[in-house]
């Protein structure tokens, strides 16, 4: 059984990043940068999230042509605005 790792954290000036120092086997100390929170991601409400998830499944199965068809056929439906590059839910 390995010994527990010693982890210390210090905040770096860049927003959202931390430097973590970890002891690994053999006593070597490794510096790691980690993201502490999501940056620029807005989670849609549950009703839109369901449409996003289902659409993503269909696009994964049927290819990007399917996404193009949805953009054309649902261009006046606000529930599919997440497909537009300027929409906050587009990621």
PDB file of N, CA and C in Angstrom:
ATOM      1  N   UNK A   1       0.847  -1.167   0.000  1.00  0.00           N
ATOM      2  CA  UNK A   1       0.000   0.000   0.000  1.00  0.00           C
ATOM      3  C   UNK A   1       0.892   1.228   0.000  1.00  0.00           C
ATOM      4  N   UNK A   2       0.589   2.200  -0.860  1.00  0.00           N
ATOM      5  CA  UNK A   2       1.431   3.386  -0.952  1.00  0.00           C
ATOM      6  C   UNK A   2       1.079   4.388   0.135  1.00  0.00           C
ATOM      7  N   UNK A   3       2.052   5.239   0.450  1.00  0.00           N
ATOM      8  CA  UNK A   3       1.862   6.264   1.464  1.00  0.00           C
ATOM      9  C   UNK A   3       0.967   7.362   0.906  1.00  0.00           C
ATOM     10  N   UNK A   4       0.192   8.035   1.763  1.00  0.00           N
ATOM     11  CA  UNK A   4      -0.654   9.126   1.268  1.00  0.00           C
ATOM     12  C   UNK A   4       0.196  10.258   0.699  1.00  0.00           C
ATOM     13  N   UNK A   5      -0.348  10.922  -0.322  1.00  0.00           N
ATOM     14  CA  UNK A   5       0.370  12.033  -0.940  1.00  0.00           C
ATOM     15  C   UNK A   5       0.212  13.292  -0.106  1.00  0.00           C
ATOM     16  N   UNK A   6       1.260  14.088  -0.068  1.00  0.00           N
ATOM     17  CA  UNK A   6       1.244  15.375   0.608  1.00  0.00           C
ATOM     18  C   UNK A   6       0.909  16.423  -0.451  1.00  0.00           C
ATOM     19  N   UNK A   7      -0.213  17.112  -0.310  1.00  0.00           N
ATOM     20  CA  UNK A   7      -0.624  18.106  -1.297  1.00  0.00           C
ATOM     21  C   UNK A   7      -0.700  19.455  -0.616  1.00  0.00           C
ATOM     22  N   UNK A   8      -0.026  20.448  -1.199  1.00  0.00           N
ATOM     23  CA  UNK A   8      -0.146  21.808  -0.698  1.00  0.00           C
ATOM     24  C   UNK A   8      -0.617  22.689  -1.837  1.00  0.00           C
ATOM     25  N   UNK A   9      -1.386  23.720  -1.517  1.00  0.00           N
ATOM     26  CA  UNK A   9      -1.963  24.584  -2.541  1.00  0.00           C
ATOM     27  C   UNK A   9      -1.556  26.019  -2.297  1.00  0.00           C
ATOM     28  N   UNK A  10      -1.178  26.713  -3.376  1.00  0.00           N
ATOM     29  CA  UNK A  10      -0.928  28.140  -3.316  1.00  0.00           C
ATOM     30  C   UNK A  10      -1.637  28.780  -4.501  1.00  0.00           C
ATOM     31  N   UNK A  11      -2.221  29.928  -4.291  1.00  0.00           N
ATOM     32  CA  UNK A  11      -2.971  30.597  -5.356  1.00  0.00           C
ATOM     33  C   UNK A  11      -2.009  31.330  -6.275  1.00  0.00           C
ATOM     34  N   UNK A  12      -2.244  31.198  -7.574  1.00  0.00           N
ATOM     35  CA  UNK A  12      -1.473  31.893  -8.596  1.00  0.00           C
ATOM     36  C   UNK A  12      -2.260  33.129  -8.999  1.00  0.00           C
ATOM     37  N   UNK A  13      -1.613  34.146  -9.529  1.00  0.00           N
ATOM     38  CA  UNK A  13      -2.288  35.394  -9.870  1.00  0.00           C
ATOM     39  C   UNK A  13      -3.326  35.251 -10.978  1.00  0.00           C
ATOM     40  N   UNK A  14      -3.178  34.280 -11.894  1.00  0.00           N
ATOM     41  CA  UNK A  14      -4.157  34.082 -12.951  1.00  0.00           C
ATOM     42  C   UNK A  14      -5.469  33.630 -12.329  1.00  0.00           C
ATOM     43  N   UNK A  15      -6.579  34.274 -12.739  1.00  0.00           N
ATOM     44  CA  UNK A  15      -7.884  33.928 -12.183  1.00  0.00           C
ATOM     45  C   UNK A  15      -8.241  32.488 -12.500  1.00  0.00           C
ATOM     46  N   UNK A  16      -8.678  31.766 -11.486  1.00  0.00           N
ATOM     47  CA  UNK A  16      -9.144  30.413 -11.683  1.00  0.00           C
ATOM     48  C   UNK A  16      -8.067  29.346 -11.713  1.00  0.00           C
ATOM     49  N   UNK A  17      -6.799  29.702 -11.586  1.00  0.00           N
ATOM     50  CA  UNK A  17      -5.739  28.696 -11.608  1.00  0.00           C
ATOM     51  C   UNK A  17      -5.086  28.587 -10.239  1.00  0.00           C
ATOM     52  N   UNK A  18      -4.700  27.396  -9.889  1.00  0.00           N
ATOM     53  CA  UNK A  18      -3.947  27.158  -8.672  1.00  0.00           C
ATOM     54  C   UNK A  18      -2.729  26.328  -9.024  1.00  0.00           C
ATOM     55  N   UNK A  19      -1.681  26.489  -8.248  1.00  0.00           N
ATOM     56  CA  UNK A  19      -0.516  25.615  -8.410  1.00  0.00           C
ATOM     57  C   UNK A  19      -0.562  24.625  -7.261  1.00  0.00           C
ATOM     58  N   UNK A  20      -0.505  23.356  -7.569  1.00  0.00           N
ATOM     59  CA  UNK A  20      -0.514  22.320  -6.533  1.00  0.00           C
ATOM     60  C   UNK A  20       0.824  21.607  -6.572  1.00  0.00           C
ATOM     61  N   UNK A  21       1.357  21.401  -5.411  1.00  0.00           N
ATOM     62  CA  UNK A  21       2.624  20.702  -5.277  1.00  0.00           C
ATOM     63  C   UNK A  21       2.322  19.334  -4.685  1.00  0.00           C
ATOM     64  N   UNK A  22       2.728  18.279  -5.372  1.00  0.00           N
ATOM     65  CA  UNK A  22       2.397  16.925  -4.947  1.00  0.00           C
ATOM     66  C   UNK A  22       3.672  16.114  -4.774  1.00  0.00           C
ATOM     67  N   UNK A  23       3.776  15.404  -3.637  1.00  0.00           N
ATOM     68  CA  UNK A  23       4.873  14.460  -3.432  1.00  0.00           C
ATOM     69  C   UNK A  23       4.499  13.150  -4.108  1.00  0.00           C
ATOM     70  N   UNK A  24       5.401  12.645  -4.932  1.00  0.00           N
ATOM     71  CA  UNK A  24       5.175  11.358  -5.580  1.00  0.00           C
ATOM     72  C   UNK A  24       6.177  10.357  -5.026  1.00  0.00           C
ATOM     73  N   UNK A  25       6.025   9.093  -5.418  1.00  0.00           N
ATOM     74  CA  UNK A  25       6.938   8.066  -4.926  1.00  0.00           C
ATOM     75  C   UNK A  25       8.380   8.470  -5.186  1.00  0.00           C
ATOM     76  N   UNK A  26       9.238   8.174  -4.265  1.00  0.00           N
ATOM     77  CA  UNK A  26      10.642   8.520  -4.398  1.00  0.00           C
ATOM     78  C   UNK A  26      10.949   9.905  -3.840  1.00  0.00           C
ATOM     79  N   UNK A  27       9.941  10.584  -3.305  1.00  0.00           N
ATOM     80  CA  UNK A  27      10.168  11.883  -2.687  1.00  0.00           C
ATOM     81  C   UNK A  27      10.226  13.052  -3.657  1.00  0.00           C
ATOM     82  N   UNK A  28      10.051  12.811  -4.952  1.00  0.00           N
ATOM     83  CA  UNK A  28      10.082  13.912  -5.914  1.00  0.00           C
ATOM     84  C   UNK A  28       8.835  14.767  -5.750  1.00  0.00           C
ATOM     85  N   UNK A  29       9.002  16.064  -5.891  1.00  0.00           N
ATOM     86  CA  UNK A  29       7.879  16.996  -5.769  1.00  0.00           C
ATOM     87  C   UNK A  29       7.549  17.529  -7.160  1.00  0.00           C
ATOM     88  N   UNK A  30       6.282  17.435  -7.571  1.00  0.00           N
ATOM     89  CA  UNK A  30       5.849  17.839  -8.899  1.00  0.00           C
ATOM     90  C   UNK A  30       4.874  18.999  -8.762  1.00  0.00           C
ATOM     91  N   UNK A  31       5.067  20.057  -9.556  1.00  0.00           N
ATOM     92  CA  UNK A  31       4.162  21.209  -9.577  1.00  0.00           C
ATOM     93  C   UNK A  31       3.122  21.002 -10.676  1.00  0.00           C
ATOM     94  N   UNK A  32       1.864  21.187 -10.342  1.00  0.00           N
ATOM     95  CA  UNK A  32       0.773  21.041 -11.298  1.00  0.00           C
ATOM     96  C   UNK A  32      -0.077  22.302 -11.286  1.00  0.00           C
ATOM     97  N   UNK A  33      -0.538  22.748 -12.459  1.00  0.00           N
ATOM     98  CA  UNK A  33      -1.520  23.823 -12.524  1.00  0.00           C
ATOM     99  C   UNK A  33      -2.873  23.195 -12.744  1.00  0.00           C
ATOM    100  N   UNK A  34      -3.859  23.621 -11.963  1.00  0.00           N
ATOM    101  CA  UNK A  34      -5.199  23.069 -12.106  1.00  0.00           C
ATOM    102  C   UNK A  34      -6.219  24.180 -12.249  1.00  0.00           C
ATOM    103  N   UNK A  35      -7.288  23.896 -12.965  1.00  0.00           N
ATOM    104  CA  UNK A  35      -8.399  24.831 -13.118  1.00  0.00           C
ATOM    105  C   UNK A  35      -9.312  24.619 -11.923  1.00  0.00           C
ATOM    106  N   UNK A  36      -9.704  25.691 -11.249  1.00  0.00           N
ATOM    107  CA  UNK A  36     -10.516  25.534 -10.057  1.00  0.00           C
ATOM    108  C   UNK A  36     -12.006  25.668 -10.327  1.00  0.00           C
ATOM    109  N   UNK A  37     -12.387  26.259 -11.456  1.00  0.00           N
ATOM    110  CA  UNK A  37     -13.802  26.365 -11.796  1.00  0.00           C
ATOM    111  C   UNK A  37     -13.958  26.549 -13.304  1.00  0.00           C
ATOM    112  N   UNK A  38     -15.161  26.262 -13.777  1.00  0.00           N
ATOM    113  CA  UNK A  38     -15.448  26.408 -15.204  1.00  0.00           C
ATOM    114  C   UNK A  38     -15.418  27.883 -15.574  1.00  0.00           C
ATOM    115  N   UNK A  39     -14.799  28.193 -16.680  1.00  0.00           N
ATOM    116  CA  UNK A  39     -14.699  29.570 -17.132  1.00  0.00           C
ATOM    117  C   UNK A  39     -15.500  29.723 -18.417  1.00  0.00           C
ATOM    118  N   UNK A  40     -16.458  30.632 -18.422  1.00  0.00           N
ATOM    119  CA  UNK A  40     -17.194  30.937 -19.640  1.00  0.00           C
ATOM    120  C   UNK A  40     -18.231  29.911 -20.049  1.00  0.00           C
ATOM    121  N   UNK A  41     -18.630  29.018 -19.157  1.00  0.00           N
ATOM    122  CA  UNK A  41     -19.650  28.033 -19.484  1.00  0.00           C
ATOM    123  C   UNK A  41     -20.938  28.413 -18.761  1.00  0.00           C
ATOM    124  N   UNK A  42     -22.020  28.541 -19.531  1.00  0.00           N
ATOM    125  CA  UNK A  42     -23.324  28.864 -18.959  1.00  0.00           C
ATOM    126  C   UNK A  42     -24.200  27.633 -19.125  1.00  0.00           C
ATOM    127  N   UNK A  43     -24.731  27.123 -18.043  1.00  0.00           N
ATOM    128  CA  UNK A  43     -25.574  25.938 -18.088  1.00  0.00           C
ATOM    129  C   UNK A  43     -27.001  26.344 -18.440  1.00  0.00           C
ATOM    130  N   UNK A  44     -27.580  25.739 -19.479  1.00  0.00           N
ATOM    131  CA  UNK A  44     -28.959  26.098 -19.860  1.00  0.00           C
ATOM    132  C   UNK A  44     -29.973  25.538 -18.865  1.00  0.00           C
ATOM    133  N   UNK A  45     -31.180  26.103 -18.861  1.00  0.00           N
ATOM    134  CA  UNK A  45     -32.237  25.560 -18.001  1.00  0.00           C
ATOM    135  C   UNK A  45     -32.592  24.138 -18.441  1.00  0.00           C
ATOM    136  N   UNK A  46     -33.217  23.364 -17.558  1.00  0.00           N
ATOM    137  CA  UNK A  46     -33.482  21.946 -17.850  1.00  0.00           C
ATOM    138  C   UNK A  46     -34.219  21.682 -19.165  1.00  0.00           C
ATOM    139  N   UNK A  47     -35.195  22.519 -19.530  1.00  0.00           N
ATOM    140  CA  UNK A  47     -35.936  22.256 -20.763  1.00  0.00           C
ATOM    141  C   UNK A  47     -35.047  22.408 -21.998  1.00  0.00           C
ATOM    142  N   UNK A  48     -34.187  23.420 -22.004  1.00  0.00           N
ATOM    143  CA  UNK A  48     -33.249  23.614 -23.128  1.00  0.00           C
ATOM    144  C   UNK A  48     -32.167  22.545 -23.081  1.00  0.00           C
ATOM    145  N   UNK A  49     -31.709  22.193 -21.888  1.00  0.00           N
ATOM    146  CA  UNK A  49     -30.671  21.161 -21.744  1.00  0.00           C
ATOM    147  C   UNK A  49     -31.118  19.834 -22.345  1.00  0.00           C
ATOM    148  N   UNK A  50     -32.386  19.490 -22.149  1.00  0.00           N
ATOM    149  CA  UNK A  50     -32.920  18.249 -22.716  1.00  0.00           C
ATOM    150  C   UNK A  50     -32.860  18.286 -24.242  1.00  0.00           C
ATOM    151  N   UNK A  51     -33.197  19.435 -24.834  1.00  0.00           N
ATOM    152  CA  UNK A  51     -33.145  19.579 -26.294  1.00  0.00           C
ATOM    153  C   UNK A  51     -31.702  19.532 -26.780  1.00  0.00           C
ATOM    154  N   UNK A  52     -30.796  20.182 -26.059  1.00  0.00           N
ATOM    155  CA  UNK A  52     -29.367  20.163 -26.412  1.00  0.00           C
ATOM    156  C   UNK A  52     -28.846  18.727 -26.400  1.00  0.00           C
ATOM    157  N   UNK A  53     -29.140  17.998 -25.323  1.00  0.00           N
ATOM    158  CA  UNK A  53     -28.643  16.622 -25.201  1.00  0.00           C
ATOM    159  C   UNK A  53     -29.191  15.720 -26.299  1.00  0.00           C
ATOM    160  N   UNK A  54     -30.500  15.808 -26.562  1.00  0.00           N
ATOM    161  CA  UNK A  54     -31.121  14.960 -27.579  1.00  0.00           C
ATOM    162  C   UNK A  54     -30.592  15.321 -28.965  1.00  0.00           C
ATOM    163  N   UNK A  55     -30.441  16.619 -29.241  1.00  0.00           N
ATOM    164  CA  UNK A  55     -29.910  17.053 -30.538  1.00  0.00           C
ATOM    165  C   UNK A  55     -28.483  16.567 -30.716  1.00  0.00           C
ATOM    166  N   UNK A  56     -27.683  16.648 -29.658  1.00  0.00           N
ATOM    167  CA  UNK A  56     -26.296  16.182 -29.731  1.00  0.00           C
ATOM    168  C   UNK A  56     -26.241  14.685 -30.045  1.00  0.00           C
ATOM    169  N   UNK A  57     -27.152  13.909 -29.466  1.00  0.00           N
ATOM    170  CA  UNK A  57     -27.198  12.475 -29.764  1.00  0.00           C
ATOM    171  C   UNK A  57     -27.522  12.230 -31.237  1.00  0.00           C
ATOM    172  N   UNK A  58     -28.502  12.969 -31.760  1.00  0.00           N
ATOM    173  CA  UNK A  58     -28.877  12.806 -33.168  1.00  0.00           C
ATOM    174  C   UNK A  58     -27.749  13.228 -34.101  1.00  0.00           C
ATOM    175  N   UNK A  59     -27.081  14.337 -33.772  1.00  0.00           N
ATOM    176  CA  UNK A  59     -25.973  14.812 -34.615  1.00  0.00           C
ATOM    177  C   UNK A  59     -24.820  13.814 -34.571  1.00  0.00           C
ATOM    178  N   UNK A  60     -24.551  13.253 -33.388  1.00  0.00           N
ATOM    179  CA  UNK A  60     -23.481  12.258 -33.279  1.00  0.00           C
ATOM    180  C   UNK A  60     -23.798  11.029 -34.130  1.00  0.00           C
ATOM    181  N   UNK A  61     -25.066  10.644 -34.166  1.00  0.00           N
ATOM    182  CA  UNK A  61     -25.481   9.470 -34.932  1.00  0.00           C
ATOM    183  C   UNK A  61     -25.580   9.745 -36.429  1.00  0.00           C
ATOM    184  N   UNK A  62     -26.094  10.935 -36.802  1.00  0.00           N
ATOM    185  CA  UNK A  62     -26.427  11.223 -38.201  1.00  0.00           C
ATOM    186  C   UNK A  62     -25.462  12.171 -38.898  1.00  0.00           C
ATOM    187  N   UNK A  63     -24.520  12.737 -38.165  1.00  0.00           N
ATOM    188  CA  UNK A  63     -23.504  13.585 -38.777  1.00  0.00           C
ATOM    189  C   UNK A  63     -23.860  15.060 -38.817  1.00  0.00           C
ATOM    190  N   UNK A  64     -22.883  15.877 -39.223  1.00  0.00           N
ATOM    191  CA  UNK A  64     -23.068  17.335 -39.234  1.00  0.00           C
ATOM    192  C   UNK A  64     -24.146  17.804 -40.211  1.00  0.00           C
ATOM    193  N   UNK A  65     -24.468  16.990 -41.221  1.00  0.00           N
ATOM    194  CA  UNK A  65     -25.534  17.359 -42.157  1.00  0.00           C
ATOM    195  C   UNK A  65     -26.868  17.478 -41.420  1.00  0.00           C
ATOM    196  N   UNK A  66     -27.046  16.625 -40.425  1.00  0.00           N
ATOM    197  CA  UNK A  66     -28.272  16.671 -39.629  1.00  0.00           C
ATOM    198  C   UNK A  66     -28.366  18.002 -38.885  1.00  0.00           C
ATOM    199  N   UNK A  67     -27.256  18.455 -38.327  1.00  0.00           N
ATOM    200  CA  UNK A  67     -27.236  19.744 -37.628  1.00  0.00           C
ATOM    201  C   UNK A  67     -27.588  20.874 -38.587  1.00  0.00           C
ATOM    202  N   UNK A  68     -27.066  20.816 -39.803  1.00  0.00           N
ATOM    203  CA  UNK A  68     -27.354  21.843 -40.811  1.00  0.00           C
ATOM    204  C   UNK A  68     -28.847  21.845 -41.150  1.00  0.00           C
ATOM    205  N   UNK A  69     -29.441  20.648 -41.274  1.00  0.00           N
ATOM    206  CA  UNK A  69     -30.881  20.560 -41.567  1.00  0.00           C
ATOM    207  C   UNK A  69     -31.702  21.151 -40.431  1.00  0.00           C
ATOM    208  N   UNK A  70     -31.295  20.877 -39.191  1.00  0.00           N
ATOM    209  CA  UNK A  70     -32.027  21.428 -38.031  1.00  0.00           C
ATOM    210  C   UNK A  70     -31.921  22.949 -38.033  1.00  0.00           C
ATOM    211  N   UNK A  71     -30.716  23.463 -38.307  1.00  0.00           N
ATOM    212  CA  UNK A  71     -30.546  24.920 -38.355  1.00  0.00           C
ATOM    213  C   UNK A  71     -31.491  25.541 -39.369  1.00  0.00           C
ATOM    214  N   UNK A  72     -31.672  24.876 -40.517  1.00  0.00           N
ATOM    215  CA  UNK A  72     -32.570  25.400 -41.545  1.00  0.00           C
ATOM    216  C   UNK A  72     -34.030  25.281 -41.178  1.00  0.00           C
ATOM    217  N   UNK A  73     -34.428  24.130 -40.680  1.00  0.00           N
ATOM    218  CA  UNK A  73     -35.851  23.894 -40.410  1.00  0.00           C
ATOM    219  C   UNK A  73     -36.333  24.544 -39.108  1.00  0.00           C
ATOM    220  N   UNK A  74     -35.438  24.799 -38.177  1.00  0.00           N
ATOM    221  CA  UNK A  74     -35.822  25.363 -36.874  1.00  0.00           C
ATOM    222  C   UNK A  74     -35.259  26.763 -36.653  1.00  0.00           C
ATOM    223  N   UNK A  75     -34.964  27.479 -37.743  1.00  0.00           N
ATOM    224  CA  UNK A  75     -34.327  28.800 -37.596  1.00  0.00           C
ATOM    225  C   UNK A  75     -35.190  29.808 -36.843  1.00  0.00           C
ATOM    226  N   UNK A  76     -36.510  29.617 -36.842  1.00  0.00           N
ATOM    227  CA  UNK A  76     -37.397  30.531 -36.118  1.00  0.00           C
ATOM    228  C   UNK A  76     -37.814  29.991 -34.752  1.00  0.00           C
ATOM    229  N   UNK A  77     -37.235  28.880 -34.339  1.00  0.00           N
ATOM    230  CA  UNK A  77     -37.558  28.269 -33.055  1.00  0.00           C
ATOM    231  C   UNK A  77     -36.442  28.596 -32.057  1.00  0.00           C
ATOM    232  N   UNK A  78     -36.746  29.432 -31.074  1.00  0.00           N
ATOM    233  CA  UNK A  78     -35.749  29.900 -30.106  1.00  0.00           C
ATOM    234  C   UNK A  78     -35.131  28.753 -29.302  1.00  0.00           C
ATOM    235  N   UNK A  79     -35.819  27.607 -29.213  1.00  0.00           N
ATOM    236  CA  UNK A  79     -35.285  26.472 -28.456  1.00  0.00           C
ATOM    237  C   UNK A  79     -34.048  25.872 -29.119  1.00  0.00           C
ATOM    238  N   UNK A  80     -33.815  26.196 -30.391  1.00  0.00           N
ATOM    239  CA  UNK A  80     -32.647  25.674 -31.102  1.00  0.00           C
ATOM    240  C   UNK A  80     -31.582  26.753 -31.338  1.00  0.00           C
ATOM    241  N   UNK A  81     -31.718  27.891 -30.665  1.00  0.00           N
ATOM    242  CA  UNK A  81     -30.713  28.958 -30.802  1.00  0.00           C
ATOM    243  C   UNK A  81     -29.332  28.532 -30.319  1.00  0.00           C
ATOM    244  N   UNK A  82     -29.262  27.502 -29.469  1.00  0.00           N
ATOM    245  CA  UNK A  82     -27.961  27.036 -28.971  1.00  0.00           C
ATOM    246  C   UNK A  82     -27.061  26.548 -30.110  1.00  0.00           C
ATOM    247  N   UNK A  83     -27.641  26.286 -31.277  1.00  0.00           N
ATOM    248  CA  UNK A  83     -26.849  25.865 -32.427  1.00  0.00           C
ATOM    249  C   UNK A  83     -26.149  27.042 -33.102  1.00  0.00           C
ATOM    250  N   UNK A  84     -26.562  28.252 -32.793  1.00  0.00           N
ATOM    251  CA  UNK A  84     -25.977  29.453 -33.383  1.00  0.00           C
ATOM    252  C   UNK A  84     -24.712  29.856 -32.621  1.00  0.00           C
ATOM    253  N   UNK A  85     -23.651  30.230 -33.335  1.00  0.00           N
ATOM    254  CA  UNK A  85     -22.373  30.564 -32.665  1.00  0.00           C
ATOM    255  C   UNK A  85     -22.473  31.689 -31.639  1.00  0.00           C
ATOM    256  N   UNK A  86     -23.374  32.637 -31.827  1.00  0.00           N
ATOM    257  CA  UNK A  86     -23.478  33.787 -30.912  1.00  0.00           C
ATOM    258  C   UNK A  86     -24.306  33.485 -29.658  1.00  0.00           C
ATOM    259  N   UNK A  87     -24.969  32.338 -29.609  1.00  0.00           N
ATOM    260  CA  UNK A  87     -25.815  32.012 -28.465  1.00  0.00           C
ATOM    261  C   UNK A  87     -24.967  31.652 -27.239  1.00  0.00           C
ATOM    262  N   UNK A  88     -25.349  32.134 -26.046  1.00  0.00           N
ATOM    263  CA  UNK A  88     -24.555  31.841 -24.844  1.00  0.00           C
ATOM    264  C   UNK A  88     -24.488  30.351 -24.485  1.00  0.00           C
ATOM    265  N   UNK A  89     -25.455  29.556 -24.950  1.00  0.00           N
ATOM    266  CA  UNK A  89     -25.437  28.117 -24.656  1.00  0.00           C
ATOM    267  C   UNK A  89     -24.648  27.321 -25.684  1.00  0.00           C
ATOM    268  N   UNK A  90     -24.140  27.974 -26.723  1.00  0.00           N
ATOM    269  CA  UNK A  90     -23.334  27.298 -27.728  1.00  0.00           C
ATOM    270  C   UNK A  90     -21.919  27.118 -27.197  1.00  0.00           C
ATOM    271  N   UNK A  91     -21.465  25.883 -27.154  1.00  0.00           N
ATOM    272  CA  UNK A  91     -20.111  25.633 -26.646  1.00  0.00           C
ATOM    273  C   UNK A  91     -19.398  24.636 -27.526  1.00  0.00           C
TER     274      UNK A  91
END
